[in-house]
């Protein structure tokens, strides 16, 4: 799942055209698939924890956001935990 990015500045559209690339987009049907996916996770058939690269206390949320935003330390997903 991703987040809508709005306007993308400096996108290399000429390069896309020169390579005859097709760009497809769409929204993820989160509400449709979430119950089924959660059932698989609870049953142990799916382990999504491989995407979690950083675990931080809630008090370090700003630091976690900065690490994610700037893709420092090979960050993929930050999980914040309450104390």
Protein backbone atom coordinates (compact mmCIF):
# COMPACT_ATOMS: atom_id res chain seq x y z
CA UNK A 1 0.00 0.00 0.00
CA UNK A 2 1.19 3.45 -0.73
CA UNK A 3 0.20 7.01 -0.19
CA UNK A 4 -1.01 9.37 -2.89
CA UNK A 5 1.86 11.70 -3.65
CA UNK A 6 0.09 14.65 -5.25
CA UNK A 7 2.07 16.61 -7.80
CA UNK A 8 5.45 15.15 -8.73
CA UNK A 9 8.01 17.77 -9.66
CA UNK A 10 10.88 17.06 -12.08
CA UNK A 11 9.41 13.76 -13.28
CA UNK A 12 11.41 12.58 -16.35
CA UNK A 13 8.47 12.34 -18.78
CA UNK A 14 10.76 12.60 -21.81
CA UNK A 15 12.67 9.54 -20.66
CA UNK A 16 9.40 7.67 -20.18
CA UNK A 17 8.28 8.58 -23.69
CA UNK A 18 11.65 7.67 -25.28
CA UNK A 19 11.42 4.20 -23.75
CA UNK A 20 7.73 3.75 -24.70
CA UNK A 21 6.91 2.97 -21.07
CA UNK A 22 3.38 2.63 -19.78
CA UNK A 23 2.55 3.98 -16.35
CA UNK A 24 -0.44 2.51 -14.56
CA UNK A 25 -1.80 3.66 -11.26
CA UNK A 26 -4.65 2.79 -8.95
CA UNK A 27 -5.79 2.64 -5.39
CA UNK A 28 -5.32 -0.44 -3.23
CA UNK A 29 -8.63 -2.00 -2.11
CA UNK A 30 -7.58 -1.94 1.55
CA UNK A 31 -11.05 -2.33 3.05
CA UNK A 32 -11.84 -5.26 0.77
CA UNK A 33 -8.73 -7.31 1.56
CA UNK A 34 -7.85 -6.30 5.13
CA UNK A 35 -10.08 -8.85 6.96
CA UNK A 36 -8.75 -11.74 4.85
CA UNK A 37 -5.13 -10.64 5.24
CA UNK A 38 -5.50 -10.20 8.99
CA UNK A 39 -6.96 -13.74 9.24
CA UNK A 40 -3.89 -15.10 7.41
CA UNK A 41 -1.54 -13.16 9.69
CA UNK A 42 -3.29 -14.35 12.86
CA UNK A 43 -3.22 -17.96 11.60
CA UNK A 44 0.52 -17.66 10.87
CA UNK A 45 0.23 -18.19 7.11
CA UNK A 46 1.61 -14.70 6.38
CA UNK A 47 4.41 -12.95 8.27
CA UNK A 48 4.54 -9.26 7.29
CA UNK A 49 7.27 -8.42 9.80
CA UNK A 50 10.01 -8.58 7.15
CA UNK A 51 9.17 -5.03 6.07
CA UNK A 52 9.77 -3.61 9.55
CA UNK A 53 13.30 -2.26 9.63
CA UNK A 54 13.06 0.07 12.62
CA UNK A 55 11.23 -0.10 15.97
CA UNK A 56 11.19 3.04 18.08
CA UNK A 57 9.34 4.29 21.14
CA UNK A 58 6.49 6.69 20.47
CA UNK A 59 8.55 9.47 22.02
CA UNK A 60 10.95 9.19 19.06
CA UNK A 61 8.25 9.51 16.38
CA UNK A 62 9.85 12.61 14.85
CA UNK A 63 13.18 10.78 14.55
CA UNK A 64 11.45 7.78 12.97
CA UNK A 65 9.70 10.00 10.44
CA UNK A 66 13.00 11.67 9.56
CA UNK A 67 14.74 8.30 9.08
CA UNK A 68 11.91 7.08 6.84
CA UNK A 69 11.57 10.31 4.87
CA UNK A 70 15.28 10.48 4.10
CA UNK A 71 15.66 6.71 3.61
CA UNK A 72 18.50 6.55 6.11
CA UNK A 73 19.88 3.26 7.41
CA UNK A 74 18.02 1.28 4.68
CA UNK A 75 14.69 2.21 6.28
CA UNK A 76 11.56 0.56 4.84
CA UNK A 77 9.02 0.70 7.68
CA UNK A 78 9.12 2.25 11.15
CA UNK A 79 6.94 0.86 13.91
CA UNK A 80 6.29 3.11 16.89
CA UNK A 81 5.52 1.50 20.24
CA UNK A 82 3.99 3.09 23.31
CA UNK A 83 6.05 2.64 26.46
